[in-house]
Amino acid sequence: MSVTTVNPVLRVAPAPPAEAAAYFRASLAFHTDVSDVAAAMAAEGGPGFTLVDCRSTESWDQGHVPGAVHLPTAHVAEQAGRLLDPAVPVVTYCWGPACDGATRAALALAELGYPVKEMRGGFEYWVREGFAYETRQGTERPAADPLTVPVDADDCGC
């Protein structure tokens, strides 16, 4: 008797190309990555969005992206109007890929009428990719983790 091996990747067939294109286009409307945020933050004339760190004050003090606005997720409803311009897109971030804080903050901001995206990877990948961050003690710049970014190139090429 022959045993058929099921390919776990293709157990569910890929979506038709048009559906896949629509899905991935939509995904890019909701998400951005650390490298693109860093490039935009460094661009002459500013990034064109407001970067929001939605973590606690203790987390913010431990380290945050330079130029970010501190707006903890739990305070979005009462503080967004004071801290953010509703005409300027917002990009949220939290600790990392295992944290939903940035997603919850993005949802709250969208429900308030803000155009919003979430930065995939969060603060964890900002640091792992070797970008500078601020703490109470000053600015830190870690070495890039070679598992997340090429250490001898200006960008990943993607």
N, C-alpha and C. Protein backbone atom coordinates (compact mmCIF):
# COMPACT_ATOMS: atom_id res chain seq x y z
N MET A 1 0.84 -1.18 0.00
CA MET A 1 0.00 0.00 0.00
C MET A 1 0.88 1.24 0.00
N SER A 2 0.61 2.18 -0.87
CA SER A 2 1.39 3.40 -1.02
C SER A 2 0.85 4.49 -0.09
N VAL A 3 1.75 5.19 0.55
CA VAL A 3 1.37 6.31 1.40
C VAL A 3 1.69 7.60 0.64
N THR A 4 0.70 8.43 0.48
CA THR A 4 0.91 9.70 -0.21
C THR A 4 1.33 10.75 0.81
N THR A 5 2.43 11.40 0.53
CA THR A 5 2.91 12.46 1.40
C THR A 5 2.19 13.75 1.03
N VAL A 6 1.63 14.42 2.01
CA VAL A 6 0.94 15.68 1.78
C VAL A 6 1.93 16.81 2.02
N ASN A 7 2.08 17.65 1.03
CA ASN A 7 2.94 18.81 1.16
C ASN A 7 2.23 19.81 2.08
N PRO A 8 2.80 20.10 3.27
CA PRO A 8 2.11 20.99 4.21
C PRO A 8 1.95 22.42 3.68
N VAL A 9 2.81 22.84 2.80
CA VAL A 9 2.70 24.19 2.25
C VAL A 9 1.54 24.28 1.27
N LEU A 10 1.36 23.22 0.49
CA LEU A 10 0.34 23.26 -0.56
C LEU A 10 -0.93 22.49 -0.20
N ARG A 11 -1.03 22.08 1.08
CA ARG A 11 -2.26 21.40 1.53
C ARG A 11 -3.47 22.26 1.20
N VAL A 12 -3.35 23.56 1.39
CA VAL A 12 -4.35 24.52 0.92
C VAL A 12 -3.69 25.24 -0.24
N ALA A 13 -4.29 25.19 -1.38
CA ALA A 13 -3.70 25.77 -2.60
C ALA A 13 -3.55 27.28 -2.48
N PRO A 14 -2.54 27.83 -3.15
CA PRO A 14 -2.40 29.29 -3.16
C PRO A 14 -3.63 29.94 -3.79
N ALA A 15 -3.90 31.15 -3.36
CA ALA A 15 -5.02 31.91 -3.95
C ALA A 15 -4.71 32.22 -5.41
N PRO A 16 -5.74 32.41 -6.19
CA PRO A 16 -5.51 32.85 -7.57
C PRO A 16 -4.72 34.16 -7.57
N PRO A 17 -3.89 34.39 -8.59
CA PRO A 17 -3.03 35.58 -8.59
C PRO A 17 -3.77 36.90 -8.37
N ALA A 18 -4.92 37.10 -8.95
CA ALA A 18 -5.64 38.37 -8.76
C ALA A 18 -6.07 38.55 -7.30
N GLU A 19 -6.52 37.48 -6.67
CA GLU A 19 -6.88 37.55 -5.25
C GLU A 19 -5.65 37.80 -4.39
N ALA A 20 -4.55 37.13 -4.73
CA ALA A 20 -3.31 37.34 -3.98
C ALA A 20 -2.84 38.78 -4.10
N ALA A 21 -2.90 39.34 -5.31
CA ALA A 21 -2.49 40.73 -5.52
C ALA A 21 -3.35 41.68 -4.68
N ALA A 22 -4.65 41.45 -4.66
CA ALA A 22 -5.55 42.30 -3.87
C ALA A 22 -5.22 42.20 -2.38
N TYR A 23 -4.96 40.99 -1.90
CA TYR A 23 -4.63 40.79 -0.49
C TYR A 23 -3.33 41.51 -0.13
N PHE A 24 -2.29 41.31 -0.93
CA PHE A 24 -1.00 41.92 -0.60
C PHE A 24 -1.02 43.43 -0.76
N ARG A 25 -1.79 43.95 -1.73
CA ARG A 25 -1.95 45.39 -1.87
C ARG A 25 -2.64 45.95 -0.62
N ALA A 26 -3.66 45.27 -0.16
CA ALA A 26 -4.37 45.70 1.05
C ALA A 26 -3.45 45.64 2.26
N SER A 27 -2.65 44.59 2.35
CA SER A 27 -1.73 44.46 3.49
C SER A 27 -0.79 45.66 3.56
N LEU A 28 -0.28 46.10 2.41
CA LEU A 28 0.63 47.25 2.39
C LEU A 28 -0.10 48.56 2.74
N ALA A 29 -1.40 48.61 2.59
CA ALA A 29 -2.17 49.79 3.01
C ALA A 29 -2.29 49.87 4.53
N PHE A 30 -2.11 48.73 5.19
CA PHE A 30 -2.26 48.67 6.65
C PHE A 30 -0.95 48.59 7.40
N HIS A 31 0.13 48.15 6.72
CA HIS A 31 1.40 47.90 7.40
C HIS A 31 2.57 48.55 6.68
N THR A 32 3.60 48.83 7.45
CA THR A 32 4.87 49.26 6.91
C THR A 32 5.94 48.55 7.72
N ASP A 33 7.20 48.67 7.30
CA ASP A 33 8.24 47.99 8.07
C ASP A 33 9.23 48.98 8.64
N VAL A 34 10.06 48.48 9.52
CA VAL A 34 11.03 49.29 10.25
C VAL A 34 11.97 50.03 9.31
N SER A 35 12.49 49.34 8.31
CA SER A 35 13.45 49.97 7.39
C SER A 35 12.81 51.13 6.63
N ASP A 36 11.58 50.96 6.18
CA ASP A 36 10.91 52.04 5.47
C ASP A 36 10.62 53.22 6.40
N VAL A 37 10.23 52.93 7.64
CA VAL A 37 10.00 54.01 8.60
C VAL A 37 11.30 54.76 8.87
N ALA A 38 12.39 54.04 9.07
CA ALA A 38 13.69 54.68 9.33
C ALA A 38 14.10 55.57 8.16
N ALA A 39 13.93 55.08 6.94
CA ALA A 39 14.28 55.87 5.76
C ALA A 39 13.43 57.13 5.69
N ALA A 40 12.14 56.99 5.95
CA ALA A 40 11.24 58.15 5.90
C ALA A 40 11.56 59.16 7.01
N MET A 41 11.88 58.65 8.20
CA MET A 41 12.21 59.55 9.31
C MET A 41 13.49 60.34 9.02
N ALA A 42 14.40 59.76 8.25
CA ALA A 42 15.67 60.41 7.93
C ALA A 42 15.58 61.31 6.70
N ALA A 43 14.48 61.23 5.98
CA ALA A 43 14.35 61.98 4.73
C ALA A 43 14.28 63.48 4.98
N GLU A 44 14.88 64.22 4.07
CA GLU A 44 14.81 65.67 4.15
C GLU A 44 13.35 66.10 3.98
N GLY A 45 12.92 67.00 4.80
CA GLY A 45 11.54 67.46 4.73
C GLY A 45 10.58 66.69 5.63
N GLY A 46 11.08 65.69 6.32
CA GLY A 46 10.26 64.93 7.26
C GLY A 46 9.60 63.73 6.63
N PRO A 47 9.03 62.90 7.46
CA PRO A 47 8.50 61.62 6.98
C PRO A 47 7.14 61.68 6.31
N GLY A 48 6.35 62.71 6.59
CA GLY A 48 5.00 62.76 6.03
C GLY A 48 3.97 62.02 6.86
N PHE A 49 4.37 61.57 8.03
CA PHE A 49 3.47 60.89 8.97
C PHE A 49 3.97 61.17 10.38
N THR A 50 3.12 60.85 11.35
CA THR A 50 3.50 60.93 12.75
C THR A 50 3.70 59.51 13.26
N LEU A 51 4.87 59.24 13.81
CA LEU A 51 5.17 57.94 14.38
C LEU A 51 4.74 57.94 15.84
N VAL A 52 3.91 56.97 16.23
CA VAL A 52 3.37 56.91 17.58
C VAL A 52 3.84 55.65 18.29
N ASP A 53 4.51 55.86 19.42
CA ASP A 53 4.89 54.77 20.32
C ASP A 53 3.74 54.61 21.29
N CYS A 54 3.08 53.47 21.24
CA CYS A 54 1.87 53.27 22.04
C CYS A 54 2.11 52.44 23.30
N ARG A 55 3.37 52.35 23.74
CA ARG A 55 3.71 51.58 24.93
C ARG A 55 3.58 52.44 26.20
N SER A 56 3.80 51.82 27.34
CA SER A 56 3.71 52.50 28.64
C SER A 56 4.84 53.52 28.80
N THR A 57 4.71 54.37 29.79
CA THR A 57 5.76 55.35 30.10
C THR A 57 7.07 54.65 30.47
N GLU A 58 6.98 53.57 31.22
CA GLU A 58 8.19 52.84 31.60
C GLU A 58 8.89 52.28 30.36
N SER A 59 8.11 51.78 29.42
CA SER A 59 8.68 51.25 28.18
C SER A 59 9.30 52.37 27.35
N TRP A 60 8.59 53.48 27.24
CA TRP A 60 9.08 54.66 26.51
C TRP A 60 10.42 55.10 27.09
N ASP A 61 10.49 55.19 28.42
CA ASP A 61 11.73 55.63 29.07
C ASP A 61 12.87 54.65 28.83
N GLN A 62 12.55 53.38 28.69
CA GLN A 62 13.57 52.35 28.45
C GLN A 62 14.18 52.52 27.06
N GLY A 63 13.41 53.05 26.12
CA GLY A 63 13.92 53.30 24.78
C GLY A 63 12.80 53.50 23.81
N HIS A 64 12.96 54.48 22.91
CA HIS A 64 11.95 54.76 21.89
C HIS A 64 12.62 55.33 20.65
N VAL A 65 11.89 55.30 19.55
CA VAL A 65 12.39 55.81 18.28
C VAL A 65 12.45 57.34 18.35
N PRO A 66 13.60 57.92 17.99
CA PRO A 66 13.69 59.38 17.97
C PRO A 66 12.64 59.99 17.04
N GLY A 67 11.97 61.01 17.52
CA GLY A 67 10.94 61.68 16.73
C GLY A 67 9.55 61.12 16.92
N ALA A 68 9.44 60.00 17.65
CA ALA A 68 8.11 59.43 17.90
C ALA A 68 7.35 60.25 18.92
N VAL A 69 6.04 60.16 18.86
CA VAL A 69 5.15 60.76 19.86
C VAL A 69 4.74 59.65 20.80
N HIS A 70 4.76 59.94 22.10
CA HIS A 70 4.35 58.93 23.07
C HIS A 70 2.85 59.05 23.34
N LEU A 71 2.12 58.01 22.95
CA LEU A 71 0.67 57.97 23.16
C LEU A 71 0.29 56.52 23.47
N PRO A 72 0.29 56.16 24.77
CA PRO A 72 -0.06 54.78 25.13
C PRO A 72 -1.45 54.39 24.62
N THR A 73 -1.57 53.16 24.21
CA THR A 73 -2.81 52.65 23.65
C THR A 73 -4.01 52.98 24.53
N ALA A 74 -3.86 52.82 25.82
CA ALA A 74 -4.97 53.05 26.75
C ALA A 74 -5.42 54.51 26.79
N HIS A 75 -4.61 55.42 26.26
CA HIS A 75 -4.94 56.85 26.32
C HIS A 75 -5.26 57.46 24.95
N VAL A 76 -5.36 56.62 23.93
CA VAL A 76 -5.61 57.15 22.58
C VAL A 76 -6.89 57.98 22.54
N ALA A 77 -7.98 57.47 23.06
CA ALA A 77 -9.27 58.16 22.94
C ALA A 77 -9.24 59.56 23.54
N GLU A 78 -8.59 59.72 24.71
CA GLU A 78 -8.62 61.04 25.34
C GLU A 78 -7.45 61.95 24.96
N GLN A 79 -6.37 61.43 24.37
CA GLN A 79 -5.21 62.27 24.09
C GLN A 79 -4.89 62.47 22.61
N ALA A 80 -5.44 61.66 21.73
CA ALA A 80 -5.10 61.76 20.31
C ALA A 80 -5.40 63.15 19.74
N GLY A 81 -6.54 63.71 20.09
CA GLY A 81 -6.92 65.02 19.57
C GLY A 81 -5.96 66.12 19.97
N ARG A 82 -5.30 65.97 21.10
CA ARG A 82 -4.34 66.96 21.59
C ARG A 82 -2.95 66.76 20.99
N LEU A 83 -2.61 65.50 20.67
CA LEU A 83 -1.25 65.18 20.23
C LEU A 83 -1.08 64.99 18.73
N LEU A 84 -2.17 64.70 18.01
CA LEU A 84 -2.06 64.33 16.61
C LEU A 84 -2.92 65.21 15.72
N ASP A 85 -2.41 65.48 14.52
CA ASP A 85 -3.15 66.21 13.51
C ASP A 85 -3.94 65.18 12.70
N PRO A 86 -5.26 65.25 12.67
CA PRO A 86 -6.06 64.26 11.96
C PRO A 86 -5.82 64.24 10.44
N ALA A 87 -5.17 65.26 9.90
CA ALA A 87 -4.88 65.30 8.47
C ALA A 87 -3.56 64.60 8.12
N VAL A 88 -2.78 64.23 9.15
CA VAL A 88 -1.47 63.62 8.93
C VAL A 88 -1.56 62.13 9.25
N PRO A 89 -1.15 61.27 8.32
CA PRO A 89 -1.18 59.83 8.60
C PRO A 89 -0.36 59.49 9.85
N VAL A 90 -0.77 58.43 10.51
CA VAL A 90 -0.12 57.97 11.74
C VAL A 90 0.42 56.57 11.50
N VAL A 91 1.59 56.29 12.06
CA VAL A 91 2.17 54.94 12.06
C VAL A 91 2.38 54.57 13.52
N THR A 92 1.80 53.46 13.94
CA THR A 92 1.92 53.01 15.33
C THR A 92 2.97 51.92 15.47
N TYR A 93 3.59 51.88 16.66
CA TYR A 93 4.45 50.75 16.98
C TYR A 93 4.37 50.44 18.46
N CYS A 94 4.65 49.19 18.78
CA CYS A 94 4.69 48.71 20.16
C CYS A 94 6.00 47.95 20.33
N TRP A 95 6.03 46.96 21.21
CA TRP A 95 7.26 46.23 21.48
C TRP A 95 7.79 45.45 20.29
N GLY A 96 6.98 44.59 19.72
CA GLY A 96 7.49 43.75 18.64
C GLY A 96 6.39 42.95 18.00
N PRO A 97 6.78 41.99 17.18
CA PRO A 97 5.79 41.23 16.42
C PRO A 97 4.85 40.39 17.28
N ALA A 98 5.22 40.12 18.50
CA ALA A 98 4.36 39.31 19.37
C ALA A 98 3.41 40.16 20.21
N CYS A 99 3.40 41.47 19.99
CA CYS A 99 2.59 42.38 20.78
C CYS A 99 1.50 43.00 19.91
N ASP A 100 0.26 43.02 20.40
CA ASP A 100 -0.86 43.60 19.67
C ASP A 100 -1.15 45.05 20.05
N GLY A 101 -0.31 45.65 20.87
CA GLY A 101 -0.56 47.02 21.31
C GLY A 101 -0.66 48.00 20.14
N ALA A 102 0.23 47.88 19.17
CA ALA A 102 0.20 48.78 18.01
C ALA A 102 -1.06 48.56 17.18
N THR A 103 -1.51 47.31 17.11
CA THR A 103 -2.74 47.01 16.37
C THR A 103 -3.93 47.62 17.08
N ARG A 104 -3.98 47.48 18.41
CA ARG A 104 -5.09 48.08 19.17
C ARG A 104 -5.07 49.60 19.06
N ALA A 105 -3.88 50.20 19.12
CA ALA A 105 -3.78 51.66 18.98
C ALA A 105 -4.21 52.09 17.58
N ALA A 106 -3.78 51.34 16.55
CA ALA A 106 -4.17 51.67 15.18
C ALA A 106 -5.69 51.58 15.01
N LEU A 107 -6.29 50.56 15.60
CA LEU A 107 -7.75 50.43 15.54
C LEU A 107 -8.42 51.63 16.20
N ALA A 108 -7.97 51.99 17.39
CA ALA A 108 -8.56 53.13 18.10
C ALA A 108 -8.41 54.41 17.30
N LEU A 109 -7.24 54.62 16.69
CA LEU A 109 -7.03 55.82 15.89
C LEU A 109 -7.90 55.81 14.64
N ALA A 110 -8.01 54.68 13.98
CA ALA A 110 -8.86 54.58 12.79
C ALA A 110 -10.31 54.87 13.15
N GLU A 111 -10.76 54.37 14.29
CA GLU A 111 -12.13 54.63 14.72
C GLU A 111 -12.36 56.10 15.05
N LEU A 112 -11.28 56.83 15.35
CA LEU A 112 -11.38 58.27 15.60
C LEU A 112 -11.22 59.08 14.30
N GLY A 113 -10.99 58.39 13.19
CA GLY A 113 -10.91 59.06 11.90
C GLY A 113 -9.50 59.34 11.39
N TYR A 114 -8.48 58.82 12.04
CA TYR A 114 -7.09 59.03 11.60
C TYR A 114 -6.70 58.02 10.53
N PRO A 115 -6.00 58.46 9.49
CA PRO A 115 -5.41 57.49 8.56
C PRO A 115 -4.22 56.85 9.27
N VAL A 116 -4.14 55.53 9.28
CA VAL A 116 -3.15 54.87 10.14
C VAL A 116 -2.61 53.59 9.52
N LYS A 117 -1.33 53.33 9.82
CA LYS A 117 -0.66 52.08 9.50
C LYS A 117 0.05 51.60 10.75
N GLU A 118 0.41 50.34 10.74
CA GLU A 118 1.16 49.74 11.84
C GLU A 118 2.56 49.39 11.35
N MET A 119 3.58 49.70 12.17
CA MET A 119 4.96 49.34 11.84
C MET A 119 5.23 47.92 12.32
N ARG A 120 5.35 47.01 11.36
CA ARG A 120 5.66 45.61 11.70
C ARG A 120 7.04 45.51 12.33
N GLY A 121 7.14 44.67 13.33
CA GLY A 121 8.43 44.46 13.99
C GLY A 121 8.59 45.29 15.24
N GLY A 122 7.92 46.45 15.29
CA GLY A 122 7.93 47.28 16.47
C GLY A 122 9.32 47.73 16.91
N PHE A 123 9.38 48.14 18.16
CA PHE A 123 10.64 48.63 18.73
C PHE A 123 11.72 47.55 18.71
N GLU A 124 11.32 46.30 18.91
CA GLU A 124 12.29 45.21 18.89
C GLU A 124 13.09 45.20 17.60
N TYR A 125 12.41 45.26 16.47
CA TYR A 125 13.12 45.21 15.20
C TYR A 125 13.79 46.52 14.84
N TRP A 126 13.30 47.62 15.37
CA TRP A 126 14.01 48.89 15.21
C TRP A 126 15.41 48.74 15.80
N VAL A 127 15.48 48.20 17.00
CA VAL A 127 16.77 48.01 17.66
C VAL A 127 17.58 46.92 16.97
N ARG A 128 16.95 45.80 16.64
CA ARG A 128 17.66 44.68 16.01
C ARG A 128 18.25 45.07 14.66
N GLU A 129 17.62 45.99 13.95
CA GLU A 129 18.15 46.42 12.67
C GLU A 129 19.21 47.49 12.80
N GLY A 130 19.54 47.86 14.05
CA GLY A 130 20.67 48.76 14.30
C GLY A 130 20.37 50.23 14.21
N PHE A 131 19.10 50.61 14.31
CA PHE A 131 18.75 52.03 14.26
C PHE A 131 18.88 52.64 15.65
N ALA A 132 19.25 53.92 15.68
CA ALA A 132 19.42 54.63 16.95
C ALA A 132 18.08 54.76 17.67
N TYR A 133 18.16 54.75 19.00
CA TYR A 133 16.98 54.98 19.82
C TYR A 133 17.36 55.83 21.02
N GLU A 134 16.36 56.47 21.61
CA GLU A 134 16.58 57.37 22.74
C GLU A 134 16.11 56.73 24.04
N THR A 135 16.85 57.02 25.11
CA THR A 135 16.49 56.61 26.46
C THR A 135 16.59 57.83 27.36
N ARG A 136 16.31 57.65 28.64
CA ARG A 136 16.49 58.75 29.59
C ARG A 136 17.96 59.17 29.67
N GLN A 137 18.86 58.24 29.38
CA GLN A 137 20.29 58.52 29.47
C GLN A 137 20.88 59.12 28.20
N GLY A 138 20.12 59.10 27.10
CA GLY A 138 20.63 59.64 25.84
C GLY A 138 20.34 58.71 24.69
N THR A 139 21.11 58.89 23.63
CA THR A 139 20.89 58.10 22.41
C THR A 139 21.79 56.88 22.39
N GLU A 140 21.22 55.75 22.00
CA GLU A 140 21.95 54.49 21.85
C GLU A 140 21.90 54.09 20.38
N ARG A 141 22.93 53.40 19.92
CA ARG A 141 22.94 52.86 18.56
C ARG A 141 23.54 51.46 18.62
N PRO A 142 22.70 50.44 18.62
CA PRO A 142 23.21 49.08 18.72
C PRO A 142 23.77 48.59 17.38
N ALA A 143 24.57 47.55 17.45
CA ALA A 143 25.02 46.89 16.23
C ALA A 143 23.82 46.17 15.61
N ALA A 144 23.79 46.11 14.31
CA ALA A 144 22.71 45.42 13.62
C ALA A 144 22.82 43.92 13.84
N ASP A 145 21.68 43.28 14.01
CA ASP A 145 21.61 41.83 14.13
C ASP A 145 21.67 41.24 12.73
N PRO A 146 22.70 40.45 12.40
CA PRO A 146 22.81 39.93 11.03
C PRO A 146 21.70 38.97 10.63
N LEU A 147 20.86 38.57 11.58
CA LEU A 147 19.71 37.72 11.24
C LEU A 147 18.51 38.54 10.77
N THR A 148 18.59 39.87 10.91
CA THR A 148 17.45 40.71 10.52
C THR A 148 17.76 41.68 9.41
N VAL A 149 19.04 41.97 9.17
CA VAL A 149 19.41 42.98 8.18
C VAL A 149 20.84 42.73 7.73
N PRO A 150 21.16 42.99 6.46
CA PRO A 150 22.54 42.84 6.03
C PRO A 150 23.42 43.90 6.71
N VAL A 151 24.51 43.47 7.30
CA VAL A 151 25.34 44.42 8.05
C VAL A 151 26.31 45.20 7.15
N ASP A 152 26.52 44.75 5.91
CA ASP A 152 27.45 45.42 5.01
C ASP A 152 26.77 46.08 3.81
N ALA A 153 25.50 46.38 3.94
CA ALA A 153 24.77 47.02 2.83
C ALA A 153 23.90 48.14 3.38
N ASP A 154 23.58 49.09 2.50
CA ASP A 154 22.74 50.21 2.91
C ASP A 154 21.29 49.82 3.13
N ASP A 155 20.84 48.79 2.42
CA ASP A 155 19.46 48.32 2.60
C ASP A 155 19.39 46.85 2.25
N CYS A 156 18.26 46.24 2.51
CA CYS A 156 18.10 44.81 2.30
C CYS A 156 17.78 44.46 0.84
N GLY A 157 17.50 45.45 0.03
CA GLY A 157 17.21 45.19 -1.37
C GLY A 157 15.78 44.78 -1.65
N CYS A 158 14.95 44.79 -0.63
CA CYS A 158 13.56 44.37 -0.87
C CYS A 158 12.68 45.58 -0.95
